Amino acid sequence: MYCCHSRGMRADRLVSLVLLLRRHGRLSAATLARELEVSTRTVLRDIEALSAAGVPVYAERGRRGGFALLPGFRTELTGLSHDEALALLVAGSRRGAQVFGLGSALASAMLKVVDALPESYRDTASDAVARLLIDPQTDLLARRQESEEIPDSIVAAVRRAVFAGHKLRIRYAAAGRAAQWRTVDPIGLVTVREQGYLLATRSGADRTYRLSRLLAAEELAEPAQRPDRVDLDRAWQERSRQFRTGGESVVAEVRVDAARREELMGTALEVRDEESGSDGRLRLEVVFQDRRHAEWALWQLGTSAEALAPPWLRAALRQRAAAIAACYDTTAGS
């Protein structure tokens, strides 16, 4: 098993090495080692293996030397249209692959996509991708989205169990609780705003686990108890709905300026009812996660929104406003 896996890894690395040379022309052994995440000695062995297999790779001596392919050599890869390759390159720019531990595989795949393009528009596709930015790490207000760091060994075990349909043993630390071992039946993986989640069942009950809270994971040989097919989008929607309607959710009646409606919609869990008022403002029935969430969300909108109910929410916002006013009272002594 190990031997076959190692051979497969080396074959992938050899293809990646050829594609790197195709893409960049001449590269030093040190640069190739860095790109392939191996040692320089491994790169030299791979170069020898390629030469023995008939791939026309040669060494250039000197301070600016390195390895290169003979001009005109091209690997046989399936052809792609310009728009097909562009779509794959854009999809590859998203960071979901990093969450699921597929970052290096994605980089290798993108090299193959670029190499598969006809030479006549290979440069135009690369330039087009450079002009598209998908999900930047900061928004216009410089608020940073922090991606989660998950050990590759853990996410790889989870991924294998999901794809193979095997039970999974995990050591999970829920928020505010001590870590515990548990055995689950994995359903699928979801990434939302740089956060990865494992959808699973445990003793027949739906469970959702945040990948960053996994301290260990082990794929078991026992088959998972799960349906042969799954609609992951529907499963995620159902679990999201359960989350929104469970716990200490708060329903508030709010009057808001039409220009700030989308901002409120972006932070609320759900909008159950909406109508236009005679004053040009909108009247909404909004669901928040809890009291703290409701107070925070409406405070961000300032005078553009008014809480009409429940009474405790109006009182909480009034107290906040009074505290701020007192802080800036010009009649108070310094």
Protein backbone atom coordinates (compact mmCIF):
# COMPACT_ATOMS: atom_id res chain seq x y z
CA MET A 1 0.00 0.00 0.00
CA TYR A 2 2.71 2.46 1.01
CA CYS A 3 4.88 1.58 -1.97
CA CYS A 4 2.06 2.18 -4.48
CA HIS A 5 1.13 5.44 -2.79
CA SER A 6 4.76 6.62 -2.93
CA ARG A 7 5.01 5.75 -6.63
CA GLY A 8 1.82 7.71 -7.30
CA MET A 9 3.16 10.72 -5.43
CA ARG A 10 6.42 10.60 -7.41
CA ALA A 11 4.60 10.33 -10.74
CA ASP A 12 2.58 13.44 -9.89
CA ARG A 13 5.75 15.25 -8.87
CA LEU A 14 7.50 14.36 -12.13
CA VAL A 15 4.56 15.74 -14.13
CA SER A 16 4.62 18.91 -12.03
CA LEU A 17 8.36 19.25 -12.59
CA VAL A 18 7.93 19.04 -16.38
CA LEU A 19 5.10 21.56 -16.29
CA LEU A 20 7.15 23.99 -14.22
CA LEU A 21 9.94 23.84 -16.79
CA ARG A 22 7.41 24.23 -19.61
CA ARG A 23 5.97 27.29 -17.92
CA HIS A 24 9.14 29.08 -16.82
CA GLY A 25 11.77 27.86 -19.26
CA ARG A 26 14.84 27.45 -17.05
CA LEU A 27 14.78 26.92 -13.27
CA SER A 28 17.48 26.13 -10.75
CA ALA A 29 17.39 22.97 -8.65
CA ALA A 30 16.79 25.10 -5.56
CA THR A 31 13.78 26.82 -7.15
CA LEU A 32 12.31 23.50 -8.29
CA ALA A 33 12.79 22.06 -4.81
CA ARG A 34 10.97 25.01 -3.27
CA GLU A 35 8.07 24.79 -5.74
CA LEU A 36 7.71 21.02 -5.33
CA GLU A 37 8.28 21.10 -1.55
CA VAL A 38 11.08 18.51 -1.67
CA SER A 39 14.85 18.51 -1.20
CA THR A 40 17.34 19.52 -3.87
CA ARG A 41 18.67 15.95 -3.87
CA THR A 42 15.17 14.67 -4.70
CA VAL A 43 14.94 17.13 -7.60
CA LEU A 44 18.25 15.87 -9.02
CA ARG A 45 17.01 12.26 -8.80
CA ASP A 46 13.78 13.25 -10.54
CA ILE A 47 15.73 14.96 -13.34
CA GLU A 48 17.71 11.74 -13.87
CA ALA A 49 14.47 9.73 -13.97
CA LEU A 50 12.97 12.05 -16.57
CA SER A 51 16.08 11.83 -18.74
CA ALA A 52 16.03 8.04 -18.50
CA ALA A 53 12.37 8.07 -19.60
CA GLY A 54 13.19 10.08 -22.71
CA VAL A 55 12.07 13.53 -21.59
CA PRO A 56 14.54 16.02 -23.16
CA VAL A 57 15.62 17.85 -20.01
CA TYR A 58 19.16 19.24 -19.86
CA ALA A 59 21.33 21.22 -17.46
CA GLU A 60 22.80 24.65 -18.15
CA ARG A 61 25.97 25.42 -16.22
CA GLY A 62 27.04 28.72 -14.73
CA ARG A 63 25.83 31.21 -12.13
CA ARG A 64 22.49 31.63 -13.90
CA GLY A 65 22.22 28.02 -14.96
CA GLY A 66 19.57 25.48 -14.14
CA PHE A 67 17.44 22.88 -15.86
CA ALA A 68 15.38 23.33 -19.02
CA LEU A 69 13.52 21.37 -21.68
CA LEU A 70 14.54 21.27 -25.34
CA PRO A 71 12.58 23.89 -27.32
CA GLY A 72 9.32 22.58 -28.78
CA PHE A 73 8.81 19.79 -26.26
CA ARG A 74 5.18 19.60 -25.11
CA THR A 75 3.41 17.24 -22.76
CA GLU A 76 0.27 15.51 -24.04
CA LEU A 77 -2.60 16.95 -22.02
CA THR A 78 -6.26 17.24 -22.89
CA GLY A 79 -7.14 20.47 -24.73
CA LEU A 80 -9.32 23.16 -23.18
CA SER A 81 -11.06 26.15 -24.70
CA HIS A 82 -10.03 29.60 -23.57
CA ASP A 83 -13.19 30.14 -21.49
CA GLU A 84 -13.03 26.64 -19.96
CA ALA A 85 -9.46 27.19 -18.81
CA LEU A 86 -10.29 30.68 -17.58
CA ALA A 87 -13.18 29.30 -15.51
CA LEU A 88 -10.90 26.71 -13.92
CA LEU A 89 -8.19 29.26 -13.18
CA VAL A 90 -10.69 31.62 -11.55
CA ALA A 91 -12.14 28.77 -9.49
CA GLY A 92 -8.61 27.84 -8.49
CA SER A 93 -8.00 31.32 -7.13
CA ARG A 94 -10.51 30.71 -4.33
CA ARG A 95 -9.13 29.56 -1.00
CA GLY A 96 -11.52 26.68 -0.30
CA ALA A 97 -8.85 24.21 -1.39
CA GLN A 98 -6.58 25.51 1.37
CA VAL A 99 -9.28 24.82 3.99
CA PHE A 100 -9.59 21.22 2.81
CA GLY A 101 -5.85 20.62 2.62
CA LEU A 102 -5.73 20.55 -1.20
CA GLY A 103 -3.54 23.61 -1.73
CA SER A 104 -0.55 21.79 -3.26
CA ALA A 105 -2.81 19.64 -5.44
CA LEU A 106 -4.57 22.79 -6.65
CA ALA A 107 -1.27 24.43 -7.58
CA SER A 108 -0.29 21.35 -9.60
CA ALA A 109 -3.69 21.27 -11.31
CA MET A 110 -3.43 24.92 -12.27
CA LEU A 111 -0.05 24.28 -13.91
CA LYS A 112 -1.69 21.55 -16.01
CA VAL A 113 -4.55 23.83 -16.97
CA VAL A 114 -2.20 26.56 -18.17
CA ASP A 115 -0.06 24.06 -20.07
CA ALA A 116 -3.13 22.59 -21.78
CA LEU A 117 -4.04 25.94 -23.35
CA PRO A 118 -3.16 26.53 -26.99
CA GLU A 119 -0.10 28.75 -27.13
CA SER A 120 -2.01 31.38 -29.12
CA TYR A 121 -4.02 32.49 -26.09
CA ARG A 122 -2.17 31.07 -23.09
CA ASP A 123 -0.88 34.53 -22.15
CA THR A 124 -4.27 36.21 -22.58
CA ALA A 125 -5.92 33.75 -20.19
CA SER A 126 -3.22 34.29 -17.56
CA ASP A 127 -3.61 38.06 -17.95
CA ALA A 128 -7.40 37.76 -17.61
CA VAL A 129 -7.06 35.85 -14.34
CA ALA A 130 -4.69 38.54 -13.04
CA ARG A 131 -7.51 41.06 -13.57
CA LEU A 132 -10.02 39.15 -11.42
CA LEU A 133 -9.82 39.11 -7.61
CA ILE A 134 -12.07 36.63 -5.82
CA ASP A 135 -12.79 36.93 -2.08
CA PRO A 136 -9.88 39.16 -0.97
CA GLN A 137 -8.73 38.80 2.62
CA THR A 138 -9.80 42.36 3.48
CA ASP A 139 -12.87 44.36 2.52
CA LEU A 140 -13.12 48.10 1.75
CA LEU A 141 -13.11 48.88 5.48
CA ALA A 142 -9.84 46.94 5.91
CA ARG A 143 -11.59 44.27 7.96
CA ARG A 144 -9.50 41.13 7.62
CA GLN A 145 -10.94 37.68 7.08
CA GLU A 146 -8.77 35.25 8.97
CA SER A 147 -8.43 31.84 7.34
CA GLU A 148 -8.21 28.86 9.66
CA GLU A 149 -5.01 26.88 10.03
CA ILE A 150 -5.79 23.14 10.08
CA PRO A 151 -3.01 20.52 10.22
CA ASP A 152 -2.74 18.66 6.90
CA SER A 153 -2.70 15.26 8.63
CA ILE A 154 -6.07 15.94 10.26
CA VAL A 155 -7.87 17.33 7.24
CA ALA A 156 -6.42 14.57 5.03
CA ALA A 157 -7.84 11.86 7.33
CA VAL A 158 -11.23 13.59 7.33
CA ARG A 159 -11.19 13.96 3.55
CA ARG A 160 -10.28 10.29 3.02
CA ALA A 161 -13.10 9.11 5.28
CA VAL A 162 -15.63 11.36 3.52
CA PHE A 163 -14.66 10.15 0.05
CA ALA A 164 -14.25 6.46 0.99
CA GLY A 165 -17.47 6.33 3.00
CA HIS A 166 -15.76 5.10 6.18
CA LYS A 167 -16.49 5.91 9.79
CA LEU A 168 -14.31 8.61 11.30
CA ARG A 169 -12.92 8.84 14.83
CA ILE A 170 -12.26 12.42 15.90
CA ARG A 171 -11.06 14.25 18.98
CA TYR A 172 -13.18 17.38 19.04
CA ALA A 173 -13.08 20.42 21.31
CA ALA A 174 -16.47 22.14 21.21
CA ALA A 175 -16.57 25.78 22.31
CA GLY A 176 -16.23 26.02 26.08
CA ARG A 177 -15.93 22.25 26.55
CA ALA A 178 -13.13 19.76 27.10
CA ALA A 179 -11.99 17.77 24.07
CA GLN A 180 -13.59 14.35 23.64
CA TRP A 181 -13.19 11.39 21.32
CA ARG A 182 -16.23 10.41 19.28
CA THR A 183 -16.97 8.22 16.26
CA VAL A 184 -19.09 9.73 13.48
CA ASP A 185 -20.45 8.88 10.04
CA PRO A 186 -19.13 11.60 7.67
CA ILE A 187 -21.51 13.07 5.09
CA GLY A 188 -19.52 15.86 3.42
CA LEU A 189 -17.31 18.93 3.77
CA VAL A 190 -18.41 22.56 3.50
CA THR A 191 -16.39 25.79 3.47
CA VAL A 192 -18.04 29.10 4.35
CA ARG A 193 -16.10 32.39 4.59
CA GLU A 194 -12.73 30.69 5.08
CA GLN A 195 -14.14 28.28 7.69
CA GLY A 196 -14.39 24.55 7.06
CA TYR A 197 -17.08 22.26 8.46
CA LEU A 198 -17.63 18.51 8.54
CA LEU A 199 -21.25 17.41 8.14
CA ALA A 200 -21.81 14.05 9.80
CA THR A 201 -24.22 11.96 11.82
CA ARG A 202 -23.60 10.46 15.22
CA SER A 203 -25.89 7.69 16.45
CA GLY A 204 -28.27 8.74 13.68
CA ALA A 205 -28.45 12.41 14.74
CA ASP A 206 -27.20 15.27 12.54
CA ARG A 207 -23.94 16.82 13.68
CA THR A 208 -21.81 19.68 12.31
CA TYR A 209 -18.15 19.97 13.35
CA ARG A 210 -15.87 22.92 12.73
CA LEU A 211 -12.61 21.63 11.26
CA SER A 212 -10.43 24.05 13.21
CA ARG A 213 -11.68 22.46 16.45
CA LEU A 214 -10.51 18.98 15.48
CA LEU A 215 -7.45 17.98 17.50
CA ALA A 216 -7.06 14.56 15.88
CA ALA A 217 -8.78 12.45 13.24
CA GLU A 218 -8.54 8.79 12.26
CA GLU A 219 -10.21 7.07 9.32
CA LEU A 220 -11.67 3.69 10.36
CA ALA A 221 -12.12 0.60 8.19
CA GLU A 222 -15.79 0.24 9.10
CA PRO A 223 -18.26 1.54 6.47
CA ALA A 224 -20.15 4.69 7.41
CA GLN A 225 -23.91 4.52 7.88
CA ARG A 226 -25.07 7.10 5.35
CA PRO A 227 -27.19 7.40 2.18
CA ASP A 228 -25.51 6.51 -1.11
CA ARG A 229 -26.31 9.98 -2.46
CA VAL A 230 -26.41 13.35 -0.76
CA ASP A 231 -27.62 16.84 -1.67
CA LEU A 232 -24.96 18.72 0.29
CA ASP A 233 -26.39 22.15 -0.47
CA ARG A 234 -29.81 21.14 0.88
CA ALA A 235 -28.21 19.46 3.93
CA TRP A 236 -26.28 22.65 4.71
CA GLN A 237 -29.40 24.80 4.29
CA GLU A 238 -31.36 22.58 6.69
CA ARG A 239 -28.65 22.68 9.33
CA SER A 240 -28.32 26.44 8.94
CA ARG A 241 -32.06 26.80 9.43
CA GLN A 242 -31.92 24.63 12.57
CA PHE A 243 -29.13 26.81 13.92
CA ARG A 244 -31.02 30.01 13.21
CA THR A 245 -34.22 28.87 14.88
CA GLY A 246 -32.64 27.15 17.87
CA GLY A 247 -31.18 28.41 21.12
CA GLU A 248 -31.81 32.00 22.22
CA SER A 249 -32.84 33.50 18.88
CA VAL A 250 -34.49 36.94 19.04
CA VAL A 251 -37.27 38.27 16.79
CA ALA A 252 -37.31 42.08 16.50
CA GLU A 253 -39.53 44.56 14.70
CA VAL A 254 -37.37 47.17 13.01
CA ARG A 255 -37.89 50.32 10.97
CA VAL A 256 -34.96 51.00 8.65
CA ASP A 257 -33.98 53.37 5.83
CA ALA A 258 -34.29 51.65 2.45
CA ALA A 259 -30.66 52.55 1.67
CA ARG A 260 -29.45 50.51 4.69
CA ARG A 261 -31.71 47.49 4.10
CA GLU A 262 -28.98 45.30 2.55
CA GLU A 263 -26.62 46.06 5.42
CA LEU A 264 -29.21 44.85 7.91
CA MET A 265 -29.97 41.80 5.76
CA GLY A 266 -26.28 40.96 5.70
CA THR A 267 -26.04 40.59 9.47
CA ALA A 268 -29.50 39.24 10.37
CA LEU A 269 -30.15 35.51 10.42
CA GLU A 270 -33.52 35.81 8.71
CA VAL A 271 -36.12 38.37 7.59
CA ARG A 272 -39.61 36.98 8.11
CA ASP A 273 -41.75 39.91 7.00
CA GLU A 274 -41.27 43.20 5.18
CA GLU A 275 -43.48 46.12 4.17
CA SER A 276 -43.03 49.74 3.11
CA GLY A 277 -44.16 52.51 5.49
CA SER A 278 -45.82 55.79 4.60
CA ASP A 279 -42.65 57.62 5.66
CA GLY A 280 -40.58 55.85 2.98
CA ARG A 281 -38.83 53.58 5.48
CA LEU A 282 -39.14 49.80 5.58
CA ARG A 283 -40.72 47.86 8.40
CA LEU A 284 -39.12 44.43 8.93
CA GLU A 285 -39.52 41.46 11.21
CA VAL A 286 -35.95 40.26 11.73
CA VAL A 287 -34.42 37.23 13.48
CA PHE A 288 -31.11 37.63 15.33
CA GLN A 289 -28.98 34.94 16.95
CA ASP A 290 -29.43 36.29 20.50
CA ARG A 291 -29.91 39.52 22.46
CA ARG A 292 -26.32 40.62 22.09
CA HIS A 293 -26.45 40.11 18.32
CA ALA A 294 -29.68 42.11 17.99
CA GLU A 295 -28.32 45.04 20.00
CA TRP A 296 -25.01 45.09 18.14
CA ALA A 297 -26.57 44.85 14.65
CA LEU A 298 -28.98 47.74 15.18
CA TRP A 299 -26.38 49.91 16.92
CA GLN A 300 -24.20 49.68 13.78
CA LEU A 301 -26.95 51.37 11.75
CA GLY A 302 -27.19 54.41 14.02
CA THR A 303 -30.22 56.62 13.32
CA SER A 304 -30.87 54.79 10.03
CA ALA A 305 -32.70 52.07 11.96
CA GLU A 306 -35.10 52.01 14.90
CA ALA A 307 -36.05 49.02 17.04
CA LEU A 308 -39.81 49.05 17.54
CA ALA A 309 -40.03 45.84 19.56
CA PRO A 310 -39.33 44.10 21.87
CA PRO A 311 -39.24 46.75 24.63
CA TRP A 312 -36.00 45.46 26.19
CA LEU A 313 -34.16 46.04 22.89
CA ARG A 314 -35.34 49.66 22.69
CA ALA A 315 -34.25 50.16 26.31
CA ALA A 316 -30.81 48.63 25.68
CA LEU A 317 -30.18 50.89 22.68
CA ARG A 318 -31.42 53.95 24.58
CA GLN A 319 -29.00 53.18 27.43
CA ARG A 320 -26.13 52.86 24.96
CA ALA A 321 -26.99 56.19 23.36
CA ALA A 322 -27.28 57.88 26.76
CA ALA A 323 -23.87 56.56 27.79
CA ILE A 324 -22.27 57.90 24.60
CA ALA A 325 -24.00 61.28 25.01
CA ALA A 326 -22.79 61.54 28.59
CA CYS A 327 -19.24 60.73 27.49
CA TYR A 328 -19.25 63.69 25.07
CA ASP A 329 -21.17 66.14 27.28
CA THR A 330 -19.34 69.44 26.80
CA THR A 331 -20.61 70.79 30.16
CA ALA A 332 -18.80 68.05 32.09
CA GLY A 333 -15.39 68.79 33.56
CA SER A 334 -12.27 67.44 31.93
